[in-house]
Amino acid sequence: MRESFTTADGIKLSYRVEGDGRPVVMLHGFLANARFNFIEPGITA
């Protein structure tokens, strides 16, 4: 599920909730995105 919120200084941040268990924050690189780095390879599963 994709969600987002706006910070106190007006920046919109988006995040995706996948699976169960303890939260893990995964950051992709400059020229990548979550789909190619984490979803398609099966890491989020």
N, C-alpha and C. Protein backbone atom coordinates (compact mmCIF):
# COMPACT_ATOMS: atom_id res chain seq x y z
N MET A 1 0.85 -1.16 0.00
CA MET A 1 0.00 0.00 0.00
C MET A 1 0.90 1.23 0.00
N ARG A 2 0.68 2.14 -0.90
CA ARG A 2 1.47 3.36 -1.00
C ARG A 2 0.78 4.47 -0.19
N GLU A 3 1.56 5.13 0.64
CA GLU A 3 1.03 6.22 1.47
C GLU A 3 1.98 7.40 1.40
N SER A 4 1.53 8.55 1.89
CA SER A 4 2.39 9.73 1.91
C SER A 4 1.95 10.67 3.02
N PHE A 5 2.84 11.60 3.33
CA PHE A 5 2.52 12.65 4.30
C PHE A 5 3.36 13.87 3.96
N THR A 6 2.95 15.01 4.48
CA THR A 6 3.68 16.26 4.26
C THR A 6 4.36 16.65 5.56
N THR A 7 5.65 16.94 5.48
CA THR A 7 6.43 17.32 6.66
C THR A 7 6.08 18.75 7.08
N ALA A 8 6.56 19.15 8.24
CA ALA A 8 6.28 20.48 8.77
C ALA A 8 6.79 21.59 7.85
N ASP A 9 7.87 21.30 7.08
CA ASP A 9 8.40 22.32 6.18
C ASP A 9 7.86 22.19 4.75
N GLY A 10 6.80 21.40 4.57
CA GLY A 10 6.09 21.35 3.29
C GLY A 10 6.58 20.33 2.28
N ILE A 11 7.49 19.45 2.66
CA ILE A 11 7.98 18.42 1.74
C ILE A 11 7.08 17.20 1.80
N LYS A 12 6.65 16.70 0.65
CA LYS A 12 5.81 15.52 0.60
C LYS A 12 6.69 14.27 0.51
N LEU A 13 6.51 13.35 1.46
CA LEU A 13 7.25 12.09 1.48
C LEU A 13 6.28 10.95 1.23
N SER A 14 6.66 10.04 0.35
CA SER A 14 5.84 8.87 0.04
C SER A 14 6.56 7.62 0.50
N TYR A 15 5.78 6.61 0.88
CA TYR A 15 6.35 5.35 1.31
C TYR A 15 5.37 4.23 0.97
N ARG A 16 5.86 3.01 0.98
CA ARG A 16 5.06 1.84 0.64
C ARG A 16 5.10 0.87 1.82
N VAL A 17 3.94 0.34 2.19
CA VAL A 17 3.84 -0.64 3.26
C VAL A 17 3.69 -2.01 2.60
N GLU A 18 4.60 -2.94 2.92
CA GLU A 18 4.59 -4.29 2.35
C GLU A 18 4.74 -5.32 3.46
N GLY A 19 3.96 -6.37 3.45
CA GLY A 19 4.15 -7.51 4.34
C GLY A 19 3.84 -7.25 5.80
N ASP A 20 4.32 -8.17 6.63
CA ASP A 20 4.09 -8.13 8.07
C ASP A 20 5.42 -8.08 8.80
N GLY A 21 5.35 -7.89 10.10
CA GLY A 21 6.57 -7.92 10.91
C GLY A 21 7.09 -6.53 11.23
N ARG A 22 8.34 -6.52 11.72
CA ARG A 22 8.96 -5.27 12.13
C ARG A 22 9.23 -4.38 10.91
N PRO A 23 9.08 -3.07 11.07
CA PRO A 23 9.34 -2.15 9.95
C PRO A 23 10.82 -2.13 9.56
N VAL A 24 11.05 -2.00 8.27
CA VAL A 24 12.40 -1.86 7.72
C VAL A 24 12.36 -0.71 6.72
N VAL A 25 13.30 0.19 6.81
CA VAL A 25 13.39 1.31 5.87
C VAL A 25 14.44 0.96 4.82
N MET A 26 14.02 0.97 3.54
CA MET A 26 14.95 0.70 2.45
C MET A 26 14.98 1.91 1.54
N LEU A 27 16.17 2.43 1.29
CA LEU A 27 16.34 3.60 0.44
C LEU A 27 17.02 3.19 -0.85
N HIS A 28 16.44 3.61 -1.98
CA HIS A 28 17.06 3.29 -3.26
C HIS A 28 18.04 4.40 -3.64
N GLY A 29 18.88 4.12 -4.62
CA GLY A 29 19.90 5.06 -5.05
C GLY A 29 19.36 6.16 -5.95
N PHE A 30 20.24 7.03 -6.35
CA PHE A 30 19.87 8.20 -7.15
C PHE A 30 19.22 7.84 -8.48
N LEU A 31 19.78 6.88 -9.21
CA LEU A 31 19.27 6.52 -10.53
C LEU A 31 18.41 5.26 -10.51
N ALA A 32 17.86 4.91 -9.38
CA ALA A 32 17.06 3.70 -9.25
C ALA A 32 15.69 4.05 -8.67
N ASN A 33 14.87 3.03 -8.50
CA ASN A 33 13.60 3.23 -7.82
C ASN A 33 13.25 1.96 -7.05
N ALA A 34 12.23 2.02 -6.23
CA ALA A 34 11.87 0.90 -5.37
C ALA A 34 11.47 -0.33 -6.18
N ARG A 35 10.81 -0.13 -7.30
CA ARG A 35 10.38 -1.28 -8.11
C ARG A 35 11.56 -2.12 -8.57
N PHE A 36 12.57 -1.47 -9.14
CA PHE A 36 13.73 -2.19 -9.67
C PHE A 36 14.66 -2.72 -8.58
N ASN A 37 14.79 -1.98 -7.48
CA ASN A 37 15.72 -2.39 -6.43
C ASN A 37 15.15 -3.40 -5.45
N PHE A 38 13.87 -3.31 -5.12
CA PHE A 38 13.33 -4.10 -4.02
C PHE A 38 12.13 -4.97 -4.38
N ILE A 39 11.24 -4.50 -5.23
CA ILE A 39 10.00 -5.23 -5.51
C ILE A 39 10.23 -6.35 -6.52
N GLU A 40 10.74 -6.03 -7.71
CA GLU A 40 10.94 -7.05 -8.75
C GLU A 40 11.92 -8.15 -8.33
N PRO A 41 13.02 -7.84 -7.64
CA PRO A 41 13.92 -8.92 -7.21
C PRO A 41 13.35 -9.77 -6.08
N GLY A 42 12.21 -9.37 -5.49
CA GLY A 42 11.58 -10.15 -4.44
C GLY A 42 12.03 -9.81 -3.03
N ILE A 43 12.77 -8.75 -2.84
CA ILE A 43 13.27 -8.40 -1.51
C ILE A 43 12.13 -8.02 -0.57
N THR A 44 11.14 -7.29 -1.07
CA THR A 44 10.03 -6.88 -0.20
C THR A 44 9.16 -8.06 0.20
N ALA A 45 9.16 -9.10 -0.60
CA ALA A 45 8.35 -10.30 -0.26
C ALA A 45 8.92 -10.97 0.97
